[in-house]
Protein backbone atom coordinates (compact mmCIF):
# COMPACT_ATOMS: atom_id res chain seq x y z
CA MET A 1 12.34 12.80 -53.55
CA LEU A 2 8.68 12.80 -52.51
CA THR A 3 8.23 13.53 -48.79
CA HIS A 4 5.21 13.58 -46.51
CA GLU A 5 4.80 15.83 -43.48
CA CYS A 6 3.66 14.01 -40.37
CA ARG A 7 1.40 16.21 -38.22
CA CYS A 8 1.03 13.83 -35.28
CA CYS A 9 3.48 15.66 -33.01
CA ALA A 10 5.51 18.86 -32.78
CA HIS A 11 8.44 17.44 -34.77
CA HIS A 12 6.44 17.62 -38.03
CA CYS A 13 8.78 15.07 -39.63
CA LEU A 14 9.23 15.17 -43.39
CA ILE A 15 9.09 11.47 -44.22
CA PRO A 16 10.35 10.20 -47.59
CA GLU A 17 8.13 7.76 -49.47
CA GLY A 18 8.66 4.25 -48.11
CA GLU A 19 10.68 5.40 -45.10
CA CYS A 20 9.84 6.07 -41.45
CA GLY A 21 9.93 9.21 -39.32
CA ARG A 22 12.06 9.65 -36.22
CA CYS A 23 9.72 7.64 -33.96
CA GLY A 24 9.67 4.70 -36.38
CA MET A 25 5.89 4.43 -36.14
CA TYR A 26 4.84 6.33 -39.29
CA ARG A 27 5.82 5.61 -42.90
CA GLY A 28 5.50 7.75 -45.99
CA ALA A 29 3.02 6.02 -48.29
CA GLY A 30 0.54 7.11 -50.93
CA GLY A 31 1.01 10.80 -50.33
CA ALA A 32 0.62 10.68 -46.55
CA ALA A 33 2.27 9.61 -43.31
CA VAL A 34 0.52 6.39 -42.25
CA GLU A 35 0.77 4.20 -39.16
CA VAL A 36 3.17 1.29 -39.45
CA PHE A 37 1.26 -0.72 -36.80
CA PRO A 38 -2.38 0.43 -36.81
CA ASP A 39 -4.67 -0.82 -34.03
CA SER A 40 -1.76 -2.75 -32.53
CA TYR A 41 -1.04 -3.07 -28.81
CA LEU A 42 1.86 -4.31 -26.74
CA ALA A 43 0.16 -4.38 -23.34
CA ARG A 44 -3.46 -4.51 -22.20
CA TYR A 45 -4.39 -4.92 -18.54
CA PRO A 46 -6.66 -3.53 -15.84
CA THR A 47 -4.98 -1.29 -13.29
CA ALA A 48 -5.85 1.13 -10.52
CA ILE A 49 -5.93 4.64 -11.95
CA GLU A 50 -3.48 5.79 -9.26
CA THR A 51 -0.70 3.72 -10.89
CA VAL A 52 -0.88 5.61 -14.21
CA PRO A 53 -1.03 7.98 -12.29
CA PHE A 54 -4.17 10.08 -11.87
CA LEU A 55 -5.07 11.24 -8.37
CA HIS A 56 -8.09 13.53 -8.93
CA PHE A 57 -9.96 11.57 -11.62
CA TRP A 58 -12.32 8.77 -10.54
CA PRO A 59 -10.11 7.85 -7.54
CA GLY A 60 -9.91 4.17 -6.71
CA HIS A 61 -11.46 2.95 -9.95
CA ALA A 62 -9.96 0.39 -12.30
CA PHE A 63 -9.09 1.45 -15.84
CA TYR A 64 -7.90 -0.63 -18.77
CA ALA A 65 -4.32 0.37 -19.57
CA VAL A 66 -3.11 -0.13 -23.13
CA SER A 67 0.13 0.73 -24.91
CA SER A 68 1.95 0.33 -28.18
CA VAL A 69 5.70 0.94 -28.61
CA GLY A 70 7.81 3.97 -29.49
CA CYS A 71 8.08 7.62 -28.50
CA ASN A 72 8.73 10.98 -30.14
CA LEU A 73 11.30 11.95 -27.46
CA SER A 74 14.33 10.13 -26.05
CA CYS A 75 14.71 11.12 -22.40
CA PRO A 76 17.65 10.02 -20.25
CA GLY A 77 16.50 7.62 -17.55
CA CYS A 78 13.09 6.87 -19.09
CA VAL A 79 11.23 4.25 -17.05
CA SER A 80 9.66 2.97 -20.29
CA ALA A 81 12.90 2.84 -22.27
CA ILE A 82 12.40 -0.78 -23.31
CA LEU A 83 9.23 0.34 -25.12
CA THR A 84 10.47 3.68 -26.40
CA THR A 85 14.16 3.71 -27.31
CA ASP A 86 14.25 0.52 -29.37
CA PRO A 87 10.67 -0.24 -30.41
CA GLY A 88 11.85 -2.71 -33.04
CA THR A 89 12.75 -5.17 -30.27
CA LEU A 90 9.11 -5.58 -29.33
CA THR A 91 7.23 -5.18 -32.60
CA GLU A 92 6.73 -8.95 -32.78
CA ALA A 93 4.84 -8.69 -29.50
CA LEU A 94 2.28 -6.26 -30.91
CA VAL A 95 -1.22 -7.70 -31.16
CA ARG A 96 -3.62 -6.23 -33.71
CA LEU A 97 -7.13 -5.76 -32.33
CA PRO A 98 -10.09 -3.75 -33.59
CA PRO A 99 -11.10 -0.98 -31.18
CA ASP A 100 -14.36 -2.73 -30.28
CA ASN A 101 -12.43 -5.79 -29.12
CA VAL A 102 -10.31 -3.69 -26.76
CA VAL A 103 -13.47 -2.08 -25.42
CA SER A 104 -15.00 -5.52 -24.82
CA GLU A 105 -11.90 -6.55 -22.87
CA ALA A 106 -12.14 -3.43 -20.73
CA GLU A 107 -15.81 -4.07 -20.01
CA ALA A 108 -15.16 -7.72 -19.16
CA ALA A 109 -12.47 -6.62 -16.69
CA GLY A 110 -14.94 -4.32 -14.94
CA CYS A 111 -13.06 -1.15 -15.88
CA ARG A 112 -14.55 2.33 -15.81
CA GLY A 113 -12.56 3.42 -18.84
CA ILE A 114 -9.49 2.98 -21.02
CA LEU A 115 -6.14 4.76 -20.69
CA PHE A 116 -3.44 4.82 -23.36
CA CYS A 117 -0.26 5.03 -21.28
CA ILE A 118 3.24 3.61 -20.69
CA ASN A 119 4.40 4.92 -24.09
CA GLU A 120 3.59 8.08 -26.03
CA PRO A 121 0.15 8.15 -27.71
CA ALA A 122 1.33 10.59 -30.40
CA VAL A 123 3.23 7.76 -32.12
CA SER A 124 -0.04 5.83 -32.52
CA LEU A 125 -2.40 8.77 -32.87
CA PRO A 126 -4.90 7.35 -35.40
CA THR A 127 -5.17 4.20 -33.27
CA VAL A 128 -5.75 6.31 -30.15
CA LEU A 129 -8.48 8.36 -31.84
CA ARG A 130 -10.31 5.25 -33.07
CA LEU A 131 -10.09 3.63 -29.65
CA ALA A 132 -11.35 6.78 -27.91
CA ASP A 133 -14.38 6.89 -30.22
CA ALA A 134 -15.16 3.23 -29.53
CA ALA A 135 -14.78 3.69 -25.78
CA HIS A 136 -17.20 6.61 -25.72
CA ASP A 137 -19.69 4.72 -27.90
CA ALA A 138 -19.71 2.03 -25.20
CA GLY A 139 -20.13 4.52 -22.36
CA LEU A 140 -16.54 4.22 -21.13
CA LEU A 141 -14.19 7.04 -20.21
CA PHE A 142 -11.00 7.56 -22.18
CA GLY A 143 -7.72 9.25 -21.34
CA CYS A 144 -3.98 9.07 -21.82
CA SER A 145 -0.55 9.93 -20.50
CA THR A 146 1.57 12.01 -22.87
CA ASN A 147 4.75 14.04 -22.90
CA GLY A 148 2.67 16.81 -24.43
CA TYR A 149 5.08 17.35 -27.31
CA LEU A 150 2.18 17.68 -29.72
CA GLY A 151 1.39 19.93 -32.62
CA ASP A 152 -1.78 22.01 -32.80
CA GLU A 153 -3.46 19.51 -35.15
CA ALA A 154 -2.88 16.57 -32.81
CA THR A 155 -4.06 18.54 -29.78
CA CYS A 156 -7.21 19.63 -31.58
CA ALA A 157 -7.92 16.05 -32.65
CA LEU A 158 -7.45 14.70 -29.13
CA ALA A 159 -9.23 17.40 -27.13
CA PRO A 160 -12.87 16.40 -27.83
CA LEU A 161 -12.08 12.72 -27.22
CA LEU A 162 -10.15 12.93 -23.94
CA ASP A 163 -11.81 12.79 -20.54
CA CYS A 164 -8.47 13.00 -18.74
CA VAL A 165 -4.80 13.50 -19.53
CA ASN A 166 -1.55 13.39 -17.57
CA VAL A 167 1.07 15.58 -19.25
CA GLY A 168 4.60 14.57 -18.27
CA LEU A 169 6.90 17.58 -18.28
CA LYS A 170 10.67 17.20 -18.68
CA GLY A 171 11.34 20.60 -17.12
CA ALA A 172 10.56 24.19 -18.00
CA SER A 173 13.52 25.19 -20.17
CA ASP A 174 14.19 24.63 -23.84
CA ALA A 175 17.52 23.07 -22.81
CA CYS A 176 15.71 20.25 -20.97
CA TYR A 177 13.67 19.46 -24.05
CA ARG A 178 16.69 19.57 -26.34
CA GLU A 179 18.30 17.00 -24.03
CA CYS A 180 15.31 14.77 -24.80
CA GLY A 181 15.42 15.36 -28.54
CA GLY A 182 12.85 18.15 -28.71
CA ALA A 183 13.31 21.72 -29.88
CA SER A 184 11.73 23.65 -27.01
CA ALA A 185 9.44 23.41 -23.99
CA GLY A 186 6.72 25.44 -25.69
CA PRO A 187 4.65 22.61 -27.19
CA ALA A 188 4.24 20.79 -23.86
CA PHE A 189 2.96 23.86 -22.01
CA ARG A 190 0.70 24.78 -24.93
CA THR A 191 -0.76 21.26 -24.70
CA VAL A 192 -1.49 21.72 -20.98
CA ARG A 193 -3.28 25.00 -21.59
CA ALA A 194 -5.18 23.89 -24.70
CA LEU A 195 -6.51 20.67 -23.18
CA HIS A 196 -7.44 22.38 -19.92
CA GLU A 197 -9.31 25.12 -21.79
CA ALA A 198 -11.08 22.42 -23.82
CA GLY A 199 -12.54 21.01 -20.60
CA VAL A 200 -10.30 17.94 -20.30
CA HIS A 201 -9.35 16.90 -16.75
CA VAL A 202 -5.62 17.70 -16.73
CA GLU A 203 -2.98 16.49 -14.30
CA VAL A 204 0.72 17.26 -14.72
CA SER A 205 3.78 15.27 -13.72
CA ALA A 206 7.31 16.66 -13.66
CA VAL A 207 10.51 14.67 -13.31
CA TYR A 208 12.81 15.91 -10.54
CA VAL A 209 16.53 15.33 -11.05
CA ARG A 210 18.94 16.43 -8.33
CA GLY A 211 20.29 19.90 -9.05
CA ARG A 212 17.35 20.80 -11.27
CA GLU A 213 15.00 22.14 -8.63
CA ASP A 214 14.60 25.38 -10.59
CA GLU A 215 13.22 23.43 -13.55
CA VAL A 216 10.44 21.96 -11.41
CA VAL A 217 9.64 25.28 -9.75
CA SER A 218 9.54 27.06 -13.11
CA ALA A 219 7.32 24.33 -14.55
CA ALA A 220 4.95 24.75 -11.61
CA GLU A 221 4.80 28.49 -12.21
CA ARG A 222 3.95 27.96 -15.87
CA VAL A 223 1.22 25.45 -14.96
CA ALA A 224 -0.16 27.87 -12.35
CA ALA A 225 -0.51 30.47 -15.10
CA THR A 226 -3.10 28.14 -16.62
CA ASP A 227 -4.79 27.05 -13.36
CA ALA A 228 -3.26 26.76 -9.89
CA ALA A 229 -5.68 23.92 -9.06
CA ILE A 230 -4.21 21.54 -11.67
CA PRO A 231 -2.81 18.52 -9.75
CA PHE A 232 0.99 18.56 -9.98
CA GLN A 233 2.97 15.35 -9.44
CA ILE A 234 6.67 15.63 -8.62
CA MET A 235 8.36 12.47 -9.92
CA ARG A 236 11.51 12.00 -7.88
CA PHE A 237 14.08 10.45 -10.21
CA MET A 238 14.66 6.75 -9.51
CA PRO A 239 18.04 5.26 -10.52
CA PHE A 240 17.12 1.98 -12.20
CA SER A 241 20.41 1.55 -14.05
CA GLY A 242 24.05 1.65 -13.09
CA GLY A 243 25.82 4.98 -12.63
CA GLU A 244 22.65 7.06 -12.17
CA GLU A 245 22.54 7.46 -8.39
CA GLU A 246 24.04 10.93 -8.48
CA ARG A 247 20.95 12.12 -10.40
CA ALA A 248 18.58 10.92 -7.68
CA PRO A 249 17.53 13.46 -5.03
CA ALA A 250 17.45 12.50 -1.37
CA ALA A 251 14.00 12.18 0.19
CA CYS A 252 14.53 15.31 2.28
CA GLU A 253 15.46 17.29 -0.85
CA ALA A 254 12.31 16.09 -2.58
CA GLU A 255 10.17 16.97 0.44
CA ASP A 256 11.67 20.46 0.54
CA LEU A 257 10.97 20.95 -3.16
CA ALA A 258 7.38 19.79 -2.74
CA GLU A 259 6.96 22.33 0.06
CA THR A 260 8.23 25.09 -2.24
CA VAL A 261 5.96 24.05 -5.11
CA SER A 262 3.00 23.94 -2.70
CA SER A 263 3.31 27.71 -2.38
CA ILE A 264 2.66 27.96 -6.13
CA LEU A 265 0.03 25.28 -6.78
CA GLU A 266 -2.87 23.97 -4.70
CA ASN A 267 -2.54 20.21 -5.24
CA VAL A 268 1.08 19.04 -5.12
CA TYR A 269 2.13 15.40 -4.78
CA LEU A 270 5.46 13.63 -4.31
CA PHE A 271 6.03 10.25 -5.95
CA ASN A 272 8.78 7.60 -5.65
CA THR A 273 9.32 8.45 -1.98
CA PRO A 274 8.32 5.69 0.49
CA GLY A 275 6.90 7.06 3.72
CA THR A 276 5.96 10.48 2.36
CA SER A 277 2.69 12.06 3.44
CA ARG A 278 2.58 14.08 0.22
CA LEU A 279 0.59 11.52 -1.77
CA SER A 280 -2.60 12.24 0.15
CA THR A 281 -5.30 14.61 -1.08
CA ARG A 282 -6.34 17.27 1.42
CA CYS A 283 -9.35 19.51 1.65
CA PRO A 284 -8.50 22.86 0.03
CA ALA A 285 -10.49 24.66 2.74
CA CYS A 286 -9.57 23.02 6.04
CA GLY A 287 -6.62 20.75 5.24
CA ARG A 288 -8.23 17.48 6.36
CA ILE A 289 -7.05 14.35 4.55
CA LEU A 290 -9.71 13.24 2.07
CA ILE A 291 -7.78 10.44 0.37
CA ARG A 292 -4.84 8.86 2.18
CA ARG A 293 -2.31 7.25 -0.16
CA ALA A 294 1.03 5.49 0.03
CA PHE A 295 3.95 4.69 -2.28
CA ASN A 296 3.17 1.92 -4.76
CA GLY A 297 6.19 1.38 -6.98
CA PRO A 298 7.59 3.55 -9.76
CA MET A 299 5.30 6.52 -10.40
CA GLY A 300 2.46 4.82 -8.56
CA ALA A 301 0.27 5.41 -5.51
CA ARG A 302 -2.09 3.22 -3.51
CA ASN A 303 -5.28 4.45 -1.84
CA GLU A 304 -5.40 3.44 1.82
CA TRP A 305 -8.51 5.37 2.88
CA VAL A 306 -11.11 7.40 1.01
CA HIS A 307 -13.43 9.96 2.59
CA PRO A 308 -17.07 8.90 2.24
CA GLY A 309 -19.18 11.42 0.37
CA GLU A 310 -18.63 14.31 -1.98
CA ARG A 311 -18.04 16.94 0.70
CA CYS A 312 -15.52 17.33 3.48
CA ALA A 313 -16.73 17.60 7.08
CA CYS A 314 -16.17 21.35 6.75
CA GLY A 315 -18.62 21.50 3.85
CA ALA A 316 -16.11 22.05 1.04
CA ARG A 317 -16.47 19.90 -2.05
CA VAL A 318 -13.89 17.14 -2.51
CA PRO A 319 -11.64 18.40 -5.37
CA VAL A 320 -11.93 15.40 -7.70
CA SER A 321 -13.68 14.55 -10.96
CA GLY A 322 -15.97 11.53 -10.86
CA ARG A 323 -16.98 9.24 -8.03
CA MET A 324 -14.48 8.00 -5.44
CA THR A 325 -14.33 4.42 -4.23
CA ALA A 326 -12.41 2.76 -1.41
CA GLU A 327 -12.34 -0.57 -3.25
CA TRP A 328 -8.88 -1.77 -4.21
CA ARG A 329 -7.92 -4.81 -6.27
CA PRO A 330 -4.48 -6.34 -5.69
CA GLU A 331 -2.35 -6.55 -8.84
CA ALA A 332 0.49 -8.87 -9.77
CA ARG A 333 3.86 -7.28 -9.00
CA TYR A 334 4.84 -6.88 -12.65
CA ALA A 335 1.37 -5.75 -13.75
CA GLY A 336 -0.25 -2.38 -13.31
CA GLY A 337 1.08 1.08 -14.01
CA TYR A 338 4.67 1.14 -15.23
CA ARG A 339 5.67 -2.13 -13.56
CA PRO A 340 5.49 -4.27 -16.72
CA THR A 341 8.47 -2.31 -18.07
CA ARG A 342 10.50 -3.43 -15.04
CA GLY A 343 9.59 -7.06 -15.70
CA LEU A 344 10.52 -6.84 -19.37
CA GLU A 345 13.87 -5.20 -18.51
CA LEU A 346 14.59 -7.98 -16.02
CA ILE A 347 13.87 -10.72 -18.54
CA ARG A 348 16.01 -8.99 -21.15
CA GLY A 349 18.78 -8.77 -18.54
CA MET A 350 18.58 -12.53 -17.96
CA LEU A 351 18.70 -13.19 -21.69
CA ALA A 352 21.74 -10.95 -22.18
CA ALA A 353 23.58 -12.58 -19.27
CA ALA A 354 23.05 -16.01 -20.86
CA GLY A 355 24.37 -14.78 -24.21
CA VAL A 356 21.06 -14.04 -25.95
CA THR A 357 22.20 -10.59 -27.05
CA ASP A 358 20.52 -10.36 -30.46
CA ARG A 359 17.65 -7.88 -30.13
CA ALA A 360 15.40 -9.84 -32.49
CA ALA A 361 15.88 -13.00 -30.43
CA GLN A 362 15.20 -11.07 -27.24
CA GLY A 363 12.08 -9.61 -28.81
CA ARG A 364 10.72 -13.06 -29.65
CA VAL A 365 11.14 -14.22 -26.05
CA LEU A 366 9.56 -11.06 -24.67
CA ALA A 367 6.69 -11.38 -27.14
CA ALA A 368 6.04 -14.94 -26.00
CA GLU A 369 6.14 -13.86 -22.36
CA LEU A 370 3.60 -11.12 -22.98
CA ALA A 371 1.36 -13.41 -25.01
CA SER A 372 1.37 -16.08 -22.30
CA GLY A 373 0.71 -13.66 -19.46
CA GLY A 374 3.97 -14.72 -17.84
CA LEU A 375 4.58 -11.30 -16.28
CA SER A 376 1.73 -11.97 -13.86
CA THR A 377 3.73 -14.78 -12.21
CA LEU A 378 7.27 -13.48 -12.74
CA HIS A 379 7.61 -12.06 -9.24
CA GLU A 380 6.77 -15.37 -7.59
CA ARG A 381 9.07 -17.29 -9.93
CA ILE A 382 12.16 -15.20 -9.16
CA ALA A 383 11.60 -14.64 -5.43
CA THR A 384 14.46 -16.97 -4.44
CA PRO A 385 17.91 -17.59 -5.95
CA ARG A 386 16.79 -21.04 -7.04
CA GLY A 387 13.63 -19.66 -8.60
CA PHE A 388 15.58 -16.90 -10.36
CA CYS A 389 17.98 -19.44 -11.83
CA SER A 390 15.12 -21.66 -12.94
CA ALA A 391 13.61 -18.70 -14.80
CA LEU A 392 17.03 -17.90 -16.26
CA ARG A 393 17.29 -21.43 -17.67
CA SER A 394 13.81 -21.19 -19.15
CA TYR A 395 14.36 -17.84 -20.86
CA ALA A 396 17.81 -18.82 -22.16
CA ALA A 397 16.32 -21.98 -23.67
CA ALA A 398 13.55 -19.95 -25.30
CA GLY A 399 16.25 -17.68 -26.73
CA GLY A 400 18.09 -20.61 -28.29
CA ARG A 401 20.89 -20.98 -25.70
CA PRO A 402 19.76 -23.75 -23.33
CA ASP A 403 23.27 -25.00 -22.54
CA GLU A 404 24.53 -21.53 -21.69
CA GLY A 405 21.49 -20.91 -19.50
CA GLU A 406 22.03 -24.17 -17.67
CA GLN A 407 25.72 -23.47 -17.10
CA LEU A 408 25.18 -19.91 -15.87
CA ALA A 409 22.33 -20.91 -13.55
CA SER A 410 24.38 -23.76 -12.08
CA ASP A 411 27.38 -21.48 -11.56
CA LEU A 412 25.26 -18.84 -9.81
CA LEU A 413 23.69 -21.39 -7.49
CA SER A 414 27.15 -22.76 -6.70
CA ILE A 415 28.30 -19.27 -5.68
CA VAL A 416 25.27 -18.86 -3.40
CA SER A 417 25.73 -22.31 -1.88
CA GLY A 418 29.33 -21.45 -1.08
CA ILE A 419 28.21 -18.37 0.85
CA ARG A 420 25.40 -20.21 2.62
CA ASP A 421 27.69 -23.04 3.70
CA LYS A 422 29.92 -20.54 5.49
CA THR A 423 27.04 -19.49 7.76
CA VAL A 424 25.77 -22.95 8.72
CA GLY A 425 25.63 -23.31 12.51
CA MET A 426 26.34 -19.60 13.07
CA GLY A 427 22.87 -18.67 14.35
CA ARG A 428 20.28 -16.58 12.49
CA PRO A 429 20.12 -12.92 13.58
CA ARG A 430 16.65 -11.37 13.44
CA VAL A 431 16.57 -8.88 10.54
CA TYR A 432 14.04 -6.19 9.64
CA VAL A 433 14.13 -4.74 6.11
CA ALA A 434 12.57 -1.36 5.33
CA LEU A 435 11.89 0.31 1.99
CA GLY A 436 13.42 3.76 2.26
CA HIS A 437 11.53 4.68 5.45
CA PRO A 438 11.49 2.73 8.75
CA LEU A 439 7.68 2.42 8.81
CA VAL A 440 7.52 1.01 5.26
CA PRO A 441 8.48 -2.68 5.46
CA LEU A 442 9.36 -4.78 2.46
CA PHE A 443 6.65 -7.36 1.88
CA ALA A 444 7.60 -10.89 2.88
CA ASP A 445 7.44 -12.25 -0.67
CA LYS A 446 10.03 -9.83 -2.05
CA PRO A 447 13.29 -11.35 -3.36
CA GLU A 448 15.25 -9.20 -0.89
CA ILE A 449 13.63 -11.11 1.99
CA SER A 450 14.81 -14.41 0.54
CA LEU A 451 18.23 -12.79 0.17
CA ILE A 452 18.37 -12.29 3.96
CA SER A 453 17.63 -15.99 4.49
CA SER A 454 20.31 -17.02 2.00
CA ALA A 455 22.80 -14.86 3.91
CA GLY A 456 22.07 -16.63 7.20
CA GLY A 457 19.54 -14.25 8.74
CA TYR A 458 15.94 -14.57 9.86
CA PRO A 459 13.77 -11.90 8.15
CA VAL A 460 11.19 -10.81 10.71
CA ASN A 461 9.19 -9.11 7.94
CA ARG A 462 7.55 -12.51 7.54
CA ASN A 463 5.95 -12.05 10.95
CA LEU A 464 4.25 -8.76 10.07
CA GLY A 465 1.49 -10.19 7.93
CA ARG A 466 1.72 -7.36 5.41
CA SER A 467 1.31 -7.97 1.70
CA ASP A 468 -0.27 -6.47 -1.40
CA ARG A 469 -3.61 -7.59 0.05
CA ASP A 470 -2.97 -5.97 3.42
CA ALA A 471 -0.68 -2.99 3.02
CA ARG A 472 -1.67 -1.14 6.19
CA PRO A 473 1.12 1.08 7.55
CA VAL A 474 3.13 -0.44 10.38
CA THR A 475 3.73 1.28 13.68
CA ALA A 476 6.92 1.71 15.67
CA ARG A 477 5.44 -0.58 18.32
CA GLU A 478 4.88 -3.36 15.77
CA ILE A 479 8.49 -3.11 14.62
CA GLU A 480 9.82 -3.13 18.17
CA ALA A 481 7.71 -6.24 18.91
CA LEU A 482 9.65 -8.06 16.19
CA ARG A 483 12.87 -7.55 18.20
CA PRO A 484 15.16 -7.10 15.18
CA GLU A 485 18.85 -7.38 15.93
CA VAL A 486 19.82 -5.85 12.59
CA VAL A 487 17.98 -3.39 10.35
CA PHE A 488 18.57 -3.05 6.63
CA TYR A 489 16.96 -0.43 4.43
CA GLN A 490 16.57 -0.46 0.68
CA ALA A 491 16.78 3.03 -0.79
CA VAL A 492 15.42 4.21 -4.15
CA ALA A 493 18.03 6.99 -4.00
CA PRO A 494 21.22 7.55 -2.00
CA VAL A 495 20.40 7.65 1.72
CA ASP A 496 23.25 7.56 4.23
CA THR A 497 22.85 5.52 7.38
CA GLU A 498 22.86 8.57 9.65
CA THR A 499 19.86 9.98 7.80
CA PHE A 500 17.96 6.70 8.03
CA VAL A 501 18.72 6.34 11.75
CA ARG A 502 17.44 9.87 12.28
CA ALA A 503 14.24 8.85 10.48
CA CYS A 504 13.97 5.86 12.85
CA LEU A 505 14.27 8.13 15.87
CA ASP A 506 11.77 10.61 14.45
CA ALA A 507 9.31 7.75 13.87
CA GLY A 508 9.84 6.37 17.38
CA VAL A 509 11.52 3.18 16.17
CA LEU A 510 13.84 2.53 19.12
CA THR A 511 14.76 -1.11 18.58
CA GLU A 512 17.90 -2.75 19.89
CA ALA A 513 19.34 -2.61 16.38
CA VAL A 514 18.87 1.16 16.21
CA ARG A 515 20.32 1.70 19.68
CA ARG A 516 23.37 -0.41 18.83
CA GLY A 517 23.85 1.18 15.44
CA ALA A 518 23.23 -2.12 13.66
CA VAL A 519 21.57 -0.32 10.75
CA TYR A 520 22.82 -0.74 7.18
CA ARG A 521 21.79 0.13 3.67
CA LEU A 522 20.92 -3.11 1.88
CA PRO A 523 23.97 -3.69 -0.32
CA ALA A 524 23.55 -4.08 -4.06
CA GLY A 525 25.95 -5.36 -6.67
CA LYS A 526 27.53 -2.47 -8.56
CA LYS A 527 28.87 -4.25 -11.63
CA THR A 528 26.55 -7.20 -12.19
CA GLY A 529 23.21 -5.58 -13.07
CA PHE A 530 20.26 -7.91 -12.64
CA LEU A 531 22.61 -10.57 -11.19
CA GLY A 532 23.71 -8.23 -8.42
CA TRP A 533 21.75 -10.23 -5.84
CA ALA A 534 24.65 -12.70 -5.54
CA ALA A 535 27.01 -9.97 -4.32
CA SER A 536 24.23 -8.66 -2.06
CA ILE A 537 23.98 -12.05 -0.36
CA ALA A 538 27.73 -12.01 0.25
CA ALA A 539 27.61 -8.47 1.66
CA VAL A 540 24.71 -9.23 4.01
CA ALA A 541 26.34 -12.48 5.14
CA GLY A 542 29.52 -10.56 5.95
CA ILE A 543 27.53 -8.12 8.10
CA LEU A 544 25.47 -10.77 9.90
CA HIS A 545 28.36 -13.22 10.33
CA PRO A 546 31.63 -11.26 10.27
CA ASP A 547 33.65 -14.25 11.52
CA ALA A 548 32.30 -16.77 9.03
CA GLY A 549 34.89 -16.07 6.35
CA CYS A 550 32.32 -15.25 3.66
CA PRO A 551 33.72 -14.00 0.35
CA ALA A 552 33.77 -10.23 -0.12
CA PRO A 553 31.07 -8.74 -2.37
CA GLY A 554 33.68 -7.59 -4.90
CA GLU A 555 35.09 -11.10 -5.08
CA VAL A 556 31.61 -12.48 -5.74
CA GLU A 557 30.96 -9.89 -8.44
CA GLU A 558 34.16 -10.87 -10.23
CA ALA A 559 33.09 -14.51 -10.03
CA VAL A 560 29.68 -13.66 -11.49
CA LEU A 561 31.26 -11.63 -14.30
CA SER A 562 33.55 -14.54 -15.07
CA CYS A 563 30.56 -16.87 -15.29
CA VAL A 564 28.75 -14.49 -17.64
CA ARG A 565 31.80 -14.11 -19.88
CA ALA A 566 32.19 -17.89 -19.99
CA VAL A 567 28.82 -18.25 -21.73
CA GLY A 568 29.32 -15.27 -24.04
CA GLY A 569 26.88 -13.08 -22.13
CA GLU A 570 26.85 -9.45 -21.10
CA ILE A 571 25.59 -7.45 -18.14
CA THR A 572 22.72 -4.99 -18.55
CA TYR A 573 21.17 -2.62 -16.04
CA GLY A 574 17.85 -1.73 -17.58
CA ARG A 575 16.86 1.42 -19.41
């Protein structure tokens, strides 16, 4: 049988005529491996470069993020799994556009350049090369995020066309790469060295899974062998799906690891850790903060302050490429960086719960949502139980199961009403909700804030005036002025209450709630996936109103599961 060797990544697949390689994005045809979906894009949107993320390349500027679907690796816990592990689900959502059209969109959006990110560029390499050429012809910058599992030919083709690259390392050992479907770690580290030596601005990110500290340290040592000044981003593992919490390091463990890596490399950053100070860029000479940043969702950062000028007060040059700007443009919650993947997973979870389990049917709904720009308003539409159920009805109807969507939505609202009725006339305790760290409040428009109201509490976060448009850090004094009677914290990884209370004391948050020990981790449903908010309402109501006779969270979860089974649905967790 005639086969064709694909040279777009380190797998070097031998693809039979008429069939596809392991990534599903190249087909053997006419004596070569050709793209199945040339010049085709799933997502296109402007985003702050810090959400991709790049921290030392044109800080604060907007770039036009584009993606296709598919990947040449299959990593456990991938934040982009909906794009990478089953690309066939979303192929109907791909939009074919000539490179010049994408460039025109980027220019119209006021972007400084274009970044191919969210999924692996190696699976769309000819498209990436054409787009890079067009971007440079128009005077725009071009870069990408990649796992670095490239062959020499692909690296050589990319090098002269890349202005910046973020290489995402899976670890330092061959075993880590075999776990992801690769053969060894060698190609990724060769990519880092080759692109750096070619003059490309290189940043490196490394996933940190609990118990694998040595992998991150070893990766840092291998990067330092190329250049110790390469920015190194530690990506603390975030458990998006059920049963993954044991893989997530505690914040203190991540901070300790970052301290260790800082003895190896000059510019070390810690992501996915609300409240950390290790997202800020410091002067390499005197240690002054030059760019102060804060947590901004999965694998993202937000600039809060940027030093004016190209030199620190001590005279040292600011260690970045390109001009810095303090300007920041608010983005919709499910737009920017990797957040669209969270929105798509959520919608797919709603569809599955309502019985739309066929991947092709799900793909059609997701394609329509992307085409309509619906992700930009998804957050607002699901911010309350009623809004969530309205969206559930809409998506179920689009998936061909309107009756099932109506029944499930009505049943869920009935469960919530039953909990709410128990708390009527019981008073509304003042509740403050933090995101992982006491000085990082949840914004008032988050669904978790509505959850507190549904459980019979008054969320004082609404009195803070913080939002995406005003994300200034809060102070202990501001929190104390809110007089919260109960404090809840939402954790991106397991955090016991004692640890959070200690963080409150360290931050000077000495509210009545802290003194009384009325501090709790915000409960989440364990068995009901994206519908877990119903059990969370029950759990919070039980804490705020212990004498109200509210149903136990486990009882509510069983009721939700029964409702899902009744419409022929299934529970999903994302990824």
